[in-house]
Amino acid sequence: MTKIVNSRIVAMLMGAWIAYCAGVGNYGGAVFLLFFYSLMLWDLNTKKATGTGNTDGDK
C-alpha cells in the first residue's frame, strides 16, 4: 500500500484525471478523487505514527 500511495505515476495519473474532470465540468469526480487520495494518505500516516504490532516491549 505504501508503494502505491507514494508512487509518482499514480499521483500523475490521478492529477491528470482530476484536471480532465475539472476541464469537462465534472467537479464531483475531481473532488471524490482528491478525497479518496487524501484518505489513503491519512491512513498511511496514521499507521506510521502508531506503529504496527506489539511495540511496548512486553513478550
PDB file of N, CA and C in Angstrom:
ATOM      1  N   MET A   1       0.827  -1.200   0.000  1.00  0.00           N
ATOM      2  CA  MET A   1       0.000   0.000   0.000  1.00  0.00           C
ATOM      3  C   MET A   1       0.863   1.253   0.000  1.00  0.00           C
ATOM      4  N   THR A   2       1.977   1.216   0.726  1.00  0.00           N
ATOM      5  CA  THR A   2       2.844   2.391   0.801  1.00  0.00           C
ATOM      6  C   THR A   2       3.406   2.741  -0.564  1.00  0.00           C
ATOM      7  N   LYS A   3       3.816   1.728  -1.323  1.00  0.00           N
ATOM      8  CA  LYS A   3       4.378   1.989  -2.645  1.00  0.00           C
ATOM      9  C   LYS A   3       3.341   2.548  -3.598  1.00  0.00           C
ATOM     10  N   ILE A   4       2.100   2.117  -3.458  1.00  0.00           N
ATOM     11  CA  ILE A   4       1.040   2.618  -4.341  1.00  0.00           C
ATOM     12  C   ILE A   4       0.724   4.074  -4.017  1.00  0.00           C
ATOM     13  N   VAL A   5       0.609   4.400  -2.734  1.00  0.00           N
ATOM     14  CA  VAL A   5       0.254   5.758  -2.334  1.00  0.00           C
ATOM     15  C   VAL A   5       1.377   6.739  -2.683  1.00  0.00           C
ATOM     16  N   ASN A   6       2.625   6.315  -2.496  1.00  0.00           N
ATOM     17  CA  ASN A   6       3.755   7.209  -2.743  1.00  0.00           C
ATOM     18  C   ASN A   6       4.260   7.161  -4.180  1.00  0.00           C
ATOM     19  N   SER A   7       3.587   6.437  -5.055  1.00  0.00           N
ATOM     20  CA  SER A   7       4.020   6.303  -6.429  1.00  0.00           C
ATOM     21  C   SER A   7       3.804   7.606  -7.199  1.00  0.00           C
ATOM     22  N   ARG A   8       4.835   8.028  -7.900  1.00  0.00           N
ATOM     23  CA  ARG A   8       4.712   9.250  -8.706  1.00  0.00           C
ATOM     24  C   ARG A   8       3.812   9.033  -9.907  1.00  0.00           C
ATOM     25  N   ILE A   9       3.821   7.817 -10.442  1.00  0.00           N
ATOM     26  CA  ILE A   9       2.979   7.525 -11.600  1.00  0.00           C
ATOM     27  C   ILE A   9       1.505   7.610 -11.220  1.00  0.00           C
ATOM     28  N   VAL A  10       1.159   7.050 -10.075  1.00  0.00           N
ATOM     29  CA  VAL A  10      -0.239   7.103  -9.617  1.00  0.00           C
ATOM     30  C   VAL A  10      -0.643   8.554  -9.354  1.00  0.00           C
ATOM     31  N   ALA A  11       0.239   9.319  -8.736  1.00  0.00           N
ATOM     32  CA  ALA A  11      -0.071  10.731  -8.464  1.00  0.00           C
ATOM     33  C   ALA A  11      -0.244  11.507  -9.772  1.00  0.00           C
ATOM     34  N   MET A  12       0.600  11.217 -10.765  1.00  0.00           N
ATOM     35  CA  MET A  12       0.485  11.908 -12.049  1.00  0.00           C
ATOM     36  C   MET A  12      -0.821  11.533 -12.757  1.00  0.00           C
ATOM     37  N   LEU A  13      -1.152  10.244 -12.746  1.00  0.00           N
ATOM     38  CA  LEU A  13      -2.387   9.814 -13.395  1.00  0.00           C
ATOM     39  C   LEU A  13      -3.620  10.393 -12.705  1.00  0.00           C
ATOM     40  N   MET A  14      -3.602  10.408 -11.378  1.00  0.00           N
ATOM     41  CA  MET A  14      -4.745  10.988 -10.652  1.00  0.00           C
ATOM     42  C   MET A  14      -4.840  12.487 -10.920  1.00  0.00           C
ATOM     43  N   GLY A  15      -3.695  13.156 -10.952  1.00  0.00           N
ATOM     44  CA  GLY A  15      -3.708  14.591 -11.250  1.00  0.00           C
ATOM     45  C   GLY A  15      -4.223  14.879 -12.646  1.00  0.00           C
ATOM     46  N   ALA A  16      -3.823  14.062 -13.607  1.00  0.00           N
ATOM     47  CA  ALA A  16      -4.312  14.244 -14.978  1.00  0.00           C
ATOM     48  C   ALA A  16      -5.810  13.987 -15.065  1.00  0.00           C
ATOM     49  N   TRP A  17      -6.280  12.953 -14.358  1.00  0.00           N
ATOM     50  CA  TRP A  17      -7.712  12.659 -14.385  1.00  0.00           C
ATOM     51  C   TRP A  17      -8.510  13.752 -13.683  1.00  0.00           C
ATOM     52  N   ILE A  18      -7.974  14.280 -12.592  1.00  0.00           N
ATOM     53  CA  ILE A  18      -8.648  15.387 -11.890  1.00  0.00           C
ATOM     54  C   ILE A  18      -8.703  16.615 -12.791  1.00  0.00           C
ATOM     55  N   ALA A  19      -7.611  16.900 -13.503  1.00  0.00           N
ATOM     56  CA  ALA A  19      -7.605  18.037 -14.428  1.00  0.00           C
ATOM     57  C   ALA A  19      -8.620  17.822 -15.551  1.00  0.00           C
ATOM     58  N   TYR A  20      -8.719  16.592 -16.046  1.00  0.00           N
ATOM     59  CA  TYR A  20      -9.709  16.288 -17.084  1.00  0.00           C
ATOM     60  C   TYR A  20     -11.126  16.479 -16.549  1.00  0.00           C
ATOM     61  N   CYS A  21     -11.385  15.947 -15.354  1.00  0.00           N
ATOM     62  CA  CYS A  21     -12.729  16.092 -14.760  1.00  0.00           C
ATOM     63  C   CYS A  21     -13.080  17.563 -14.558  1.00  0.00           C
ATOM     64  N   ALA A  22     -12.116  18.335 -14.079  1.00  0.00           N
ATOM     65  CA  ALA A  22     -12.376  19.763 -13.860  1.00  0.00           C
ATOM     66  C   ALA A  22     -12.575  20.478 -15.194  1.00  0.00           C
ATOM     67  N   GLY A  23     -11.822  20.082 -16.221  1.00  0.00           N
ATOM     68  CA  GLY A  23     -11.963  20.706 -17.537  1.00  0.00           C
ATOM     69  C   GLY A  23     -13.304  20.408 -18.176  1.00  0.00           C
ATOM     70  N   VAL A  24     -13.810  19.202 -17.972  1.00  0.00           N
ATOM     71  CA  VAL A  24     -15.099  18.817 -18.528  1.00  0.00           C
ATOM     72  C   VAL A  24     -16.246  19.430 -17.727  1.00  0.00           C
ATOM     73  N   GLY A  25     -15.985  19.716 -16.465  1.00  0.00           N
ATOM     74  CA  GLY A  25     -17.023  20.299 -15.615  1.00  0.00           C
ATOM     75  C   GLY A  25     -17.594  19.305 -14.630  1.00  0.00           C
ATOM     76  N   ASN A  26     -16.991  18.129 -14.535  1.00  0.00           N
ATOM     77  CA  ASN A  26     -17.446  17.116 -13.592  1.00  0.00           C
ATOM     78  C   ASN A  26     -16.668  17.286 -12.285  1.00  0.00           C
ATOM     79  N   TYR A  27     -17.055  18.293 -11.513  1.00  0.00           N
ATOM     80  CA  TYR A  27     -16.324  18.603 -10.282  1.00  0.00           C
ATOM     81  C   TYR A  27     -16.535  17.544  -9.208  1.00  0.00           C
ATOM     82  N   GLY A  28     -17.611  16.805  -9.276  1.00  0.00           N
ATOM     83  CA  GLY A  28     -17.860  15.740  -8.313  1.00  0.00           C
ATOM     84  C   GLY A  28     -16.803  14.651  -8.403  1.00  0.00           C
ATOM     85  N   GLY A  29     -16.420  14.276  -9.614  1.00  0.00           N
ATOM     86  CA  GLY A  29     -15.387  13.268  -9.798  1.00  0.00           C
ATOM     87  C   GLY A  29     -14.036  13.749  -9.314  1.00  0.00           C
ATOM     88  N   ALA A  30     -13.714  15.020  -9.581  1.00  0.00           N
ATOM     89  CA  ALA A  30     -12.432  15.577  -9.146  1.00  0.00           C
ATOM     90  C   ALA A  30     -12.363  15.649  -7.623  1.00  0.00           C
ATOM     91  N   VAL A  31     -13.426  16.081  -6.996  1.00  0.00           N
ATOM     92  CA  VAL A  31     -13.450  16.182  -5.530  1.00  0.00           C
ATOM     93  C   VAL A  31     -13.388  14.800  -4.901  1.00  0.00           C
ATOM     94  N   PHE A  32     -14.083  13.819  -5.505  1.00  0.00           N
ATOM     95  CA  PHE A  32     -14.045  12.459  -4.974  1.00  0.00           C
ATOM     96  C   PHE A  32     -12.622  11.900  -5.026  1.00  0.00           C
ATOM     97  N   LEU A  33     -11.920  12.088  -6.140  1.00  0.00           N
ATOM     98  CA  LEU A  33     -10.558  11.579  -6.247  1.00  0.00           C
ATOM     99  C   LEU A  33      -9.626  12.250  -5.245  1.00  0.00           C
ATOM    100  N   LEU A  34      -9.765  13.556  -5.063  1.00  0.00           N
ATOM    101  CA  LEU A  34      -8.949  14.253  -4.062  1.00  0.00           C
ATOM    102  C   LEU A  34      -9.239  13.729  -2.658  1.00  0.00           C
ATOM    103  N   PHE A  35     -10.507  13.530  -2.355  1.00  0.00           N
ATOM    104  CA  PHE A  35     -10.890  12.998  -1.041  1.00  0.00           C
ATOM    105  C   PHE A  35     -10.353  11.595  -0.842  1.00  0.00           C
ATOM    106  N   PHE A  36     -10.485  10.736  -1.854  1.00  0.00           N
ATOM    107  CA  PHE A  36     -10.033   9.356  -1.758  1.00  0.00           C
ATOM    108  C   PHE A  36      -8.520   9.281  -1.570  1.00  0.00           C
ATOM    109  N   TYR A  37      -7.767  10.079  -2.318  1.00  0.00           N
ATOM    110  CA  TYR A  37      -6.308  10.068  -2.203  1.00  0.00           C
ATOM    111  C   TYR A  37      -5.856  10.614  -0.851  1.00  0.00           C
ATOM    112  N   SER A  38      -6.502  11.676  -0.380  1.00  0.00           N
ATOM    113  CA  SER A  38      -6.140  12.221   0.932  1.00  0.00           C
ATOM    114  C   SER A  38      -6.497  11.241   2.046  1.00  0.00           C
ATOM    115  N   LEU A  39      -7.572  10.471   1.876  1.00  0.00           N
ATOM    116  CA  LEU A  39      -7.934   9.445   2.851  1.00  0.00           C
ATOM    117  C   LEU A  39      -6.871   8.345   2.898  1.00  0.00           C
ATOM    118  N   MET A  40      -6.360   7.947   1.739  1.00  0.00           N
ATOM    119  CA  MET A  40      -5.288   6.945   1.704  1.00  0.00           C
ATOM    120  C   MET A  40      -4.026   7.472   2.370  1.00  0.00           C
ATOM    121  N   LEU A  41      -3.690   8.733   2.119  1.00  0.00           N
ATOM    122  CA  LEU A  41      -2.508   9.323   2.756  1.00  0.00           C
ATOM    123  C   LEU A  41      -2.685   9.419   4.262  1.00  0.00           C
ATOM    124  N   TRP A  42      -3.866   9.811   4.706  1.00  0.00           N
ATOM    125  CA  TRP A  42      -4.132   9.918   6.143  1.00  0.00           C
ATOM    126  C   TRP A  42      -4.012   8.562   6.815  1.00  0.00           C
ATOM    127  N   ASP A  43      -4.558   7.524   6.180  1.00  0.00           N
ATOM    128  CA  ASP A  43      -4.485   6.180   6.733  1.00  0.00           C
ATOM    129  C   ASP A  43      -3.037   5.705   6.808  1.00  0.00           C
ATOM    130  N   LEU A  44      -2.259   6.007   5.795  1.00  0.00           N
ATOM    131  CA  LEU A  44      -0.852   5.609   5.775  1.00  0.00           C
ATOM    132  C   LEU A  44      -0.078   6.314   6.883  1.00  0.00           C
ATOM    133  N   ASN A  45      -0.310   7.612   7.070  1.00  0.00           N
ATOM    134  CA  ASN A  45       0.397   8.365   8.109  1.00  0.00           C
ATOM    135  C   ASN A  45      -0.041   7.941   9.505  1.00  0.00           C
ATOM    136  N   THR A  46      -1.296   7.546   9.674  1.00  0.00           N
ATOM    137  CA  THR A  46      -1.776   7.076  10.965  1.00  0.00           C
ATOM    138  C   THR A  46      -1.086   5.779  11.344  1.00  0.00           C
ATOM    139  N   LYS A  47      -0.915   4.892  10.383  1.00  0.00           N
ATOM    140  CA  LYS A  47      -0.243   3.623  10.656  1.00  0.00           C
ATOM    141  C   LYS A  47       1.229   3.844  10.988  1.00  0.00           C
ATOM    142  N   LYS A  48       1.860   4.830  10.349  1.00  0.00           N
ATOM    143  CA  LYS A  48       3.260   5.127  10.658  1.00  0.00           C
ATOM    144  C   LYS A  48       3.398   5.694  12.065  1.00  0.00           C
ATOM    145  N   ALA A  49       2.479   6.550  12.461  1.00  0.00           N
ATOM    146  CA  ALA A  49       2.582   7.218  13.754  1.00  0.00           C
ATOM    147  C   ALA A  49       2.327   6.250  14.912  1.00  0.00           C
ATOM    148  N   THR A  50       1.370   5.375  14.748  1.00  0.00           N
ATOM    149  CA  THR A  50       1.038   4.473  15.841  1.00  0.00           C
ATOM    150  C   THR A  50       1.884   3.214  15.824  1.00  0.00           C
ATOM    151  N   GLY A  51       2.433   2.864  14.680  1.00  0.00           N
ATOM    152  CA  GLY A  51       3.220   1.636  14.569  1.00  0.00           C
ATOM    153  C   GLY A  51       2.309   0.437  14.434  1.00  0.00           C
ATOM    154  N   THR A  52       2.895  -0.688  14.117  1.00  0.00           N
ATOM    155  CA  THR A  52       2.093  -1.885  13.988  1.00  0.00           C
ATOM    156  C   THR A  52       2.664  -2.960  14.892  1.00  0.00           C
ATOM    157  N   GLY A  53       1.817  -3.817  15.357  1.00  0.00           N
ATOM    158  CA  GLY A  53       2.256  -4.913  16.201  1.00  0.00           C
ATOM    159  C   GLY A  53       2.468  -4.472  17.638  1.00  0.00           C
ATOM    160  N   ASN A  54       3.162  -5.295  18.391  1.00  0.00           N
ATOM    161  CA  ASN A  54       3.403  -5.041  19.813  1.00  0.00           C
ATOM    162  C   ASN A  54       4.709  -4.264  19.964  1.00  0.00           C
ATOM    163  N   THR A  55       4.608  -2.973  20.238  1.00  0.00           N
ATOM    164  CA  THR A  55       5.800  -2.128  20.329  1.00  0.00           C
ATOM    165  C   THR A  55       6.105  -1.690  21.751  1.00  0.00           C
ATOM    166  N   ASP A  56       5.349  -2.191  22.748  1.00  0.00           N
ATOM    167  CA  ASP A  56       5.570  -1.718  24.124  1.00  0.00           C
ATOM    168  C   ASP A  56       6.598  -2.567  24.876  1.00  0.00           C
ATOM    169  N   GLY A  57       7.190  -3.573  24.231  1.00  0.00           N
ATOM    170  CA  GLY A  57       8.263  -4.329  24.860  1.00  0.00           C
ATOM    171  C   GLY A  57       7.812  -5.554  25.614  1.00  0.00           C
ATOM    172  N   ASP A  58       6.525  -5.752  25.821  1.00  0.00           N
ATOM    173  CA  ASP A  58       6.054  -6.947  26.518  1.00  0.00           C
ATOM    174  C   ASP A  58       6.105  -8.139  25.590  1.00  0.00           C
ATOM    175  N   LYS A  59       6.473  -9.287  26.162  1.00  0.00           N
ATOM    176  CA  LYS A  59       6.515 -10.500  25.330  1.00  0.00           C
ATOM    177  C   LYS A  59       5.634 -11.569  25.898  1.00  0.00           C
TER     178      LYS A  59
END
